[in-house]
Amino acid sequence: VAVDYVAPAMRMMAMSNENLGKAYHLTPGVQEDISVNEYFRIAQQHTGIALSALAYGDWVHALLQADKSGVELGLKPLFPMLMEKVKNNRTRWELFEGMAMFNNDRTVAALKTSEHFQSLRPAPIKTK
């Protein structure tokens, strides 16, 4: 969920005393969430850039090879985080697979009372 959604949602919920003292999950519901594969399919569809699926380790290796060959990469500052093994010989990104889904019913109910409520569905990608 984009920060452009989260920050206003937090503000809207905090403005009502009825919402205080409760926990809220600012995540899409199970039925509204999209997978990483679906995200990249949508990105490819809207950008026209050919993308290919790679295993995580192969993708990191390809980034390192591109860097060694002199390609300027915007992701280079993230290399340490992308490669650091944090648990069971897996990176943070690899650990994301199978992550728990959170019930957002309370969040949706709290935001529905606001006239500025927006769905937690992924926003459409705007193209030029």
N, C-alpha and C. Protein backbone atom coordinates (compact mmCIF):
# COMPACT_ATOMS: atom_id res chain seq x y z
N VAL A 1 0.86 -1.16 0.00
CA VAL A 1 0.00 0.00 0.00
C VAL A 1 0.90 1.22 0.00
N ALA A 2 0.60 2.19 -0.83
CA ALA A 2 1.43 3.38 -0.99
C ALA A 2 1.32 4.31 0.22
N VAL A 3 2.41 5.00 0.51
CA VAL A 3 2.42 5.97 1.60
C VAL A 3 1.40 7.08 1.34
N ASP A 4 1.11 7.36 0.08
CA ASP A 4 0.11 8.36 -0.26
C ASP A 4 -1.28 7.95 0.23
N TYR A 5 -1.47 6.68 0.47
CA TYR A 5 -2.72 6.20 1.04
C TYR A 5 -2.62 6.11 2.56
N VAL A 6 -1.52 5.57 3.06
CA VAL A 6 -1.37 5.28 4.48
C VAL A 6 -1.42 6.55 5.33
N ALA A 7 -0.67 7.58 4.96
CA ALA A 7 -0.62 8.79 5.78
C ALA A 7 -2.00 9.44 5.94
N PRO A 8 -2.74 9.68 4.84
CA PRO A 8 -4.08 10.26 5.02
C PRO A 8 -5.03 9.33 5.77
N ALA A 9 -4.90 8.02 5.56
CA ALA A 9 -5.78 7.08 6.26
C ALA A 9 -5.54 7.15 7.77
N MET A 10 -4.28 7.21 8.17
CA MET A 10 -3.97 7.33 9.60
C MET A 10 -4.54 8.62 10.17
N ARG A 11 -4.39 9.71 9.43
CA ARG A 11 -4.91 10.99 9.88
C ARG A 11 -6.42 10.94 10.02
N MET A 12 -7.10 10.38 9.02
CA MET A 12 -8.57 10.31 9.06
C MET A 12 -9.05 9.48 10.25
N MET A 13 -8.39 8.36 10.50
CA MET A 13 -8.81 7.51 11.62
C MET A 13 -8.54 8.18 12.95
N ALA A 14 -7.43 8.91 13.06
CA ALA A 14 -7.07 9.56 14.32
C ALA A 14 -8.00 10.73 14.65
N MET A 15 -8.72 11.24 13.67
CA MET A 15 -9.60 12.38 13.90
C MET A 15 -10.90 12.00 14.60
N SER A 16 -11.18 10.72 14.72
CA SER A 16 -12.41 10.28 15.38
C SER A 16 -12.08 9.59 16.70
N ASN A 17 -12.66 10.08 17.78
CA ASN A 17 -12.43 9.46 19.09
C ASN A 17 -12.88 8.01 19.12
N GLU A 18 -13.84 7.64 18.28
CA GLU A 18 -14.32 6.26 18.24
C GLU A 18 -13.24 5.28 17.78
N ASN A 19 -12.24 5.79 17.08
CA ASN A 19 -11.19 4.93 16.53
C ASN A 19 -9.99 4.79 17.46
N LEU A 20 -9.94 5.55 18.53
CA LEU A 20 -8.77 5.54 19.40
C LEU A 20 -8.69 4.27 20.24
N GLY A 21 -7.47 3.83 20.53
CA GLY A 21 -7.25 2.68 21.40
C GLY A 21 -7.45 1.33 20.74
N LYS A 22 -7.48 1.30 19.42
CA LYS A 22 -7.67 0.03 18.69
C LYS A 22 -6.51 -0.15 17.72
N ALA A 23 -6.31 -1.38 17.29
CA ALA A 23 -5.27 -1.68 16.30
C ALA A 23 -5.89 -1.71 14.91
N TYR A 24 -5.15 -1.17 13.95
CA TYR A 24 -5.62 -1.13 12.56
C TYR A 24 -4.52 -1.67 11.65
N HIS A 25 -4.92 -2.42 10.65
CA HIS A 25 -3.97 -2.93 9.66
C HIS A 25 -4.21 -2.18 8.36
N LEU A 26 -3.23 -1.38 7.97
CA LEU A 26 -3.33 -0.61 6.73
C LEU A 26 -2.74 -1.42 5.58
N THR A 27 -3.39 -2.53 5.32
CA THR A 27 -2.98 -3.44 4.26
C THR A 27 -4.20 -3.83 3.45
N PRO A 28 -4.00 -4.25 2.21
CA PRO A 28 -5.15 -4.74 1.46
C PRO A 28 -5.67 -6.03 2.09
N GLY A 29 -6.94 -6.29 1.94
CA GLY A 29 -7.49 -7.55 2.39
C GLY A 29 -7.01 -8.68 1.49
N VAL A 30 -7.17 -9.89 1.94
CA VAL A 30 -6.72 -11.06 1.17
C VAL A 30 -7.28 -11.02 -0.24
N GLN A 31 -8.55 -10.68 -0.40
CA GLN A 31 -9.20 -10.67 -1.70
C GLN A 31 -8.71 -9.53 -2.59
N GLU A 32 -8.08 -8.50 -2.02
CA GLU A 32 -7.66 -7.34 -2.79
C GLU A 32 -6.16 -7.30 -3.05
N ASP A 33 -5.41 -8.13 -2.37
CA ASP A 33 -3.96 -8.10 -2.51
C ASP A 33 -3.55 -8.71 -3.84
N ILE A 34 -2.42 -8.24 -4.37
CA ILE A 34 -1.91 -8.84 -5.60
C ILE A 34 -0.53 -9.43 -5.31
N SER A 35 -0.20 -10.46 -6.05
CA SER A 35 1.10 -11.11 -5.87
C SER A 35 2.18 -10.30 -6.57
N VAL A 36 3.42 -10.61 -6.26
CA VAL A 36 4.54 -9.95 -6.92
C VAL A 36 4.49 -10.24 -8.42
N ASN A 37 4.15 -11.49 -8.78
CA ASN A 37 4.06 -11.83 -10.20
C ASN A 37 2.99 -11.00 -10.90
N GLU A 38 1.85 -10.81 -10.24
CA GLU A 38 0.78 -10.00 -10.82
C GLU A 38 1.22 -8.54 -10.93
N TYR A 39 1.93 -8.05 -9.94
CA TYR A 39 2.44 -6.68 -9.97
C TYR A 39 3.31 -6.46 -11.21
N PHE A 40 4.24 -7.39 -11.45
CA PHE A 40 5.12 -7.24 -12.60
C PHE A 40 4.38 -7.45 -13.92
N ARG A 41 3.36 -8.31 -13.94
CA ARG A 41 2.56 -8.47 -15.15
C ARG A 41 1.87 -7.14 -15.48
N ILE A 42 1.33 -6.47 -14.48
CA ILE A 42 0.67 -5.18 -14.68
C ILE A 42 1.70 -4.14 -15.13
N ALA A 43 2.87 -4.13 -14.49
CA ALA A 43 3.92 -3.18 -14.87
C ALA A 43 4.33 -3.38 -16.32
N GLN A 44 4.49 -4.63 -16.73
CA GLN A 44 4.87 -4.92 -18.11
C GLN A 44 3.78 -4.48 -19.07
N GLN A 45 2.54 -4.74 -18.71
CA GLN A 45 1.41 -4.38 -19.56
C GLN A 45 1.34 -2.86 -19.76
N HIS A 46 1.59 -2.09 -18.72
CA HIS A 46 1.44 -0.64 -18.80
C HIS A 46 2.68 0.09 -19.29
N THR A 47 3.84 -0.53 -19.19
CA THR A 47 5.06 0.16 -19.62
C THR A 47 5.54 -0.31 -20.98
N GLY A 48 5.12 -1.50 -21.38
CA GLY A 48 5.61 -2.05 -22.64
C GLY A 48 7.03 -2.57 -22.55
N ILE A 49 7.59 -2.60 -21.35
CA ILE A 49 8.95 -3.10 -21.15
C ILE A 49 8.87 -4.60 -20.90
N ALA A 50 9.64 -5.35 -21.68
CA ALA A 50 9.64 -6.81 -21.53
C ALA A 50 10.32 -7.18 -20.21
N LEU A 51 9.65 -7.97 -19.43
CA LEU A 51 10.18 -8.44 -18.16
C LEU A 51 10.19 -9.96 -18.17
N SER A 52 11.16 -10.55 -17.51
CA SER A 52 11.17 -12.01 -17.42
C SER A 52 11.28 -12.41 -15.95
N ALA A 53 10.62 -13.50 -15.62
CA ALA A 53 10.62 -13.98 -14.25
C ALA A 53 11.96 -14.66 -13.95
N LEU A 54 12.55 -14.30 -12.83
CA LEU A 54 13.80 -14.91 -12.38
C LEU A 54 13.66 -15.30 -10.92
N ALA A 55 14.34 -16.35 -10.55
CA ALA A 55 14.44 -16.67 -9.13
C ALA A 55 15.20 -15.53 -8.46
N TYR A 56 14.93 -15.28 -7.19
CA TYR A 56 15.52 -14.14 -6.50
C TYR A 56 17.05 -14.13 -6.61
N GLY A 57 17.69 -15.25 -6.33
CA GLY A 57 19.15 -15.32 -6.40
C GLY A 57 19.68 -15.01 -7.79
N ASP A 58 18.97 -15.49 -8.82
CA ASP A 58 19.38 -15.21 -10.20
C ASP A 58 19.24 -13.73 -10.51
N TRP A 59 18.19 -13.10 -9.99
CA TRP A 59 17.97 -11.67 -10.21
C TRP A 59 19.09 -10.85 -9.57
N VAL A 60 19.44 -11.19 -8.32
CA VAL A 60 20.52 -10.47 -7.64
C VAL A 60 21.83 -10.68 -8.39
N HIS A 61 22.09 -11.90 -8.84
CA HIS A 61 23.30 -12.18 -9.61
C HIS A 61 23.33 -11.34 -10.89
N ALA A 62 22.19 -11.23 -11.58
CA ALA A 62 22.12 -10.41 -12.80
C ALA A 62 22.40 -8.94 -12.48
N LEU A 63 21.90 -8.45 -11.35
CA LEU A 63 22.19 -7.07 -10.95
C LEU A 63 23.69 -6.88 -10.73
N LEU A 64 24.31 -7.82 -10.04
CA LEU A 64 25.75 -7.72 -9.78
C LEU A 64 26.55 -7.75 -11.08
N GLN A 65 26.16 -8.61 -12.00
CA GLN A 65 26.85 -8.69 -13.30
C GLN A 65 26.68 -7.39 -14.08
N ALA A 66 25.47 -6.83 -14.07
CA ALA A 66 25.24 -5.56 -14.76
C ALA A 66 26.09 -4.46 -14.14
N ASP A 67 26.19 -4.45 -12.83
CA ASP A 67 27.00 -3.45 -12.14
C ASP A 67 28.47 -3.59 -12.53
N LYS A 68 28.96 -4.83 -12.56
CA LYS A 68 30.36 -5.08 -12.92
C LYS A 68 30.66 -4.65 -14.35
N SER A 69 29.65 -4.73 -15.22
CA SER A 69 29.88 -4.36 -16.62
C SER A 69 29.69 -2.86 -16.85
N GLY A 70 29.44 -2.10 -15.77
CA GLY A 70 29.38 -0.65 -15.90
C GLY A 70 28.00 -0.05 -16.07
N VAL A 71 26.97 -0.88 -16.03
CA VAL A 71 25.61 -0.36 -16.15
C VAL A 71 25.30 0.45 -14.89
N GLU A 72 24.75 1.65 -15.08
CA GLU A 72 24.38 2.49 -13.94
C GLU A 72 23.05 2.01 -13.39
N LEU A 73 23.06 1.56 -12.14
CA LEU A 73 21.87 0.97 -11.54
C LEU A 73 21.36 1.82 -10.37
N GLY A 74 20.08 2.18 -10.44
CA GLY A 74 19.47 2.91 -9.35
C GLY A 74 19.35 2.09 -8.08
N LEU A 75 19.37 0.77 -8.23
CA LEU A 75 19.25 -0.12 -7.07
C LEU A 75 20.58 -0.35 -6.34
N LYS A 76 21.67 0.15 -6.88
CA LYS A 76 22.98 -0.14 -6.29
C LYS A 76 23.06 0.19 -4.80
N PRO A 77 22.53 1.32 -4.33
CA PRO A 77 22.60 1.58 -2.89
C PRO A 77 21.86 0.54 -2.04
N LEU A 78 20.96 -0.22 -2.65
CA LEU A 78 20.20 -1.23 -1.92
C LEU A 78 20.86 -2.61 -1.94
N PHE A 79 21.98 -2.75 -2.65
CA PHE A 79 22.63 -4.06 -2.75
C PHE A 79 22.85 -4.73 -1.40
N PRO A 80 23.39 -4.03 -0.39
CA PRO A 80 23.60 -4.72 0.89
C PRO A 80 22.31 -5.29 1.47
N MET A 81 21.23 -4.54 1.40
CA MET A 81 19.96 -5.02 1.94
C MET A 81 19.41 -6.17 1.09
N LEU A 82 19.58 -6.09 -0.22
CA LEU A 82 19.06 -7.13 -1.10
C LEU A 82 19.80 -8.45 -0.92
N MET A 83 21.04 -8.39 -0.44
CA MET A 83 21.86 -9.60 -0.34
C MET A 83 22.04 -10.13 1.08
N GLU A 84 21.74 -9.32 2.08
CA GLU A 84 21.97 -9.74 3.47
C GLU A 84 21.03 -10.88 3.87
N LYS A 85 21.61 -11.98 4.30
CA LYS A 85 20.83 -13.12 4.79
C LYS A 85 20.48 -12.84 6.25
N VAL A 86 19.20 -12.79 6.56
CA VAL A 86 18.79 -12.41 7.91
C VAL A 86 18.18 -13.56 8.72
N LYS A 87 17.66 -14.58 8.04
CA LYS A 87 17.05 -15.69 8.76
C LYS A 87 17.03 -16.92 7.86
N ASN A 88 17.46 -18.04 8.40
CA ASN A 88 17.45 -19.31 7.64
C ASN A 88 18.09 -19.16 6.27
N ASN A 89 19.19 -18.42 6.20
CA ASN A 89 19.94 -18.21 4.97
C ASN A 89 19.09 -17.56 3.87
N ARG A 90 18.15 -16.72 4.28
CA ARG A 90 17.29 -16.02 3.32
C ARG A 90 17.34 -14.52 3.59
N THR A 91 17.14 -13.73 2.53
CA THR A 91 17.11 -12.28 2.66
C THR A 91 15.73 -11.83 3.12
N ARG A 92 15.62 -10.55 3.47
CA ARG A 92 14.31 -10.00 3.86
C ARG A 92 13.29 -10.21 2.76
N TRP A 93 13.72 -10.02 1.54
CA TRP A 93 12.78 -10.12 0.41
C TRP A 93 12.33 -11.55 0.19
N GLU A 94 13.22 -12.50 0.40
CA GLU A 94 12.84 -13.90 0.27
C GLU A 94 11.91 -14.32 1.41
N LEU A 95 12.06 -13.72 2.56
CA LEU A 95 11.20 -14.04 3.70
C LEU A 95 9.78 -13.52 3.51
N PHE A 96 9.60 -12.57 2.61
CA PHE A 96 8.27 -12.01 2.35
C PHE A 96 7.32 -13.08 1.84
N GLU A 97 7.85 -14.06 1.11
CA GLU A 97 7.01 -15.13 0.57
C GLU A 97 6.32 -15.86 1.72
N GLY A 98 5.04 -15.99 1.63
CA GLY A 98 4.28 -16.69 2.65
C GLY A 98 3.99 -15.84 3.88
N MET A 99 4.22 -14.54 3.78
CA MET A 99 3.97 -13.65 4.92
C MET A 99 2.49 -13.65 5.28
N ALA A 100 2.23 -13.47 6.53
CA ALA A 100 0.85 -13.48 7.02
C ALA A 100 0.02 -12.36 6.39
N MET A 101 -1.25 -12.66 6.18
CA MET A 101 -2.20 -11.65 5.72
C MET A 101 -2.93 -11.14 6.95
N PHE A 102 -3.25 -9.87 6.97
CA PHE A 102 -3.90 -9.27 8.13
C PHE A 102 -5.33 -8.90 7.81
N ASN A 103 -6.20 -9.08 8.79
CA ASN A 103 -7.60 -8.69 8.66
C ASN A 103 -7.69 -7.18 8.75
N ASN A 104 -8.25 -6.55 7.73
CA ASN A 104 -8.35 -5.09 7.73
C ASN A 104 -9.79 -4.60 7.88
N ASP A 105 -10.69 -5.46 8.35
CA ASP A 105 -12.10 -5.07 8.49
C ASP A 105 -12.28 -3.84 9.37
N ARG A 106 -11.55 -3.76 10.49
CA ARG A 106 -11.68 -2.61 11.39
C ARG A 106 -11.22 -1.33 10.69
N THR A 107 -10.15 -1.42 9.90
CA THR A 107 -9.65 -0.26 9.17
C THR A 107 -10.67 0.20 8.15
N VAL A 108 -11.21 -0.73 7.37
CA VAL A 108 -12.21 -0.38 6.36
C VAL A 108 -13.42 0.26 7.02
N ALA A 109 -13.88 -0.29 8.13
CA ALA A 109 -15.04 0.27 8.83
C ALA A 109 -14.75 1.68 9.34
N ALA A 110 -13.57 1.90 9.88
CA ALA A 110 -13.21 3.23 10.40
C ALA A 110 -13.13 4.25 9.27
N LEU A 111 -12.60 3.84 8.13
CA LEU A 111 -12.44 4.78 7.02
C LEU A 111 -13.76 5.05 6.30
N LYS A 112 -14.68 4.11 6.34
CA LYS A 112 -15.96 4.31 5.66
C LYS A 112 -16.74 5.48 6.26
N THR A 113 -16.44 5.84 7.49
CA THR A 113 -17.13 6.98 8.11
C THR A 113 -16.59 8.30 7.58
N SER A 114 -15.49 8.27 6.86
CA SER A 114 -14.90 9.49 6.30
C SER A 114 -15.41 9.72 4.89
N GLU A 115 -15.69 10.97 4.58
CA GLU A 115 -16.15 11.29 3.23
C GLU A 115 -15.03 11.15 2.20
N HIS A 116 -13.78 11.04 2.68
CA HIS A 116 -12.64 10.93 1.77
C HIS A 116 -12.13 9.50 1.65
N PHE A 117 -12.95 8.53 2.08
CA PHE A 117 -12.53 7.13 2.07
C PHE A 117 -12.17 6.67 0.66
N GLN A 118 -11.05 5.95 0.57
CA GLN A 118 -10.66 5.30 -0.67
C GLN A 118 -10.45 3.83 -0.37
N SER A 119 -10.73 3.02 -1.34
CA SER A 119 -10.55 1.58 -1.19
C SER A 119 -9.07 1.25 -0.97
N LEU A 120 -8.81 0.12 -0.37
CA LEU A 120 -7.44 -0.36 -0.22
C LEU A 120 -6.97 -1.12 -1.45
N ARG A 121 -7.78 -1.15 -2.49
CA ARG A 121 -7.37 -1.82 -3.72
C ARG A 121 -6.18 -1.08 -4.32
N PRO A 122 -5.29 -1.79 -5.00
CA PRO A 122 -4.16 -1.12 -5.64
C PRO A 122 -4.66 -0.05 -6.62
N ALA A 123 -4.04 1.10 -6.57
CA ALA A 123 -4.43 2.19 -7.47
C ALA A 123 -4.02 1.85 -8.89
N PRO A 124 -4.82 2.26 -9.87
CA PRO A 124 -4.44 1.99 -11.25
C PRO A 124 -3.16 2.73 -11.61
N ILE A 125 -2.38 2.12 -12.47
CA ILE A 125 -1.14 2.74 -12.91
C ILE A 125 -1.47 3.74 -14.00
N LYS A 126 -0.99 4.97 -13.83
CA LYS A 126 -1.24 6.01 -14.82
C LYS A 126 -0.14 5.96 -15.87
N THR A 127 -0.54 5.98 -17.12
CA THR A 127 0.44 6.01 -18.20
C THR A 127 0.35 7.36 -18.88
N LYS A 128 1.42 7.71 -19.55
CA LYS A 128 1.47 9.02 -20.22
C LYS A 128 0.51 9.11 -21.37
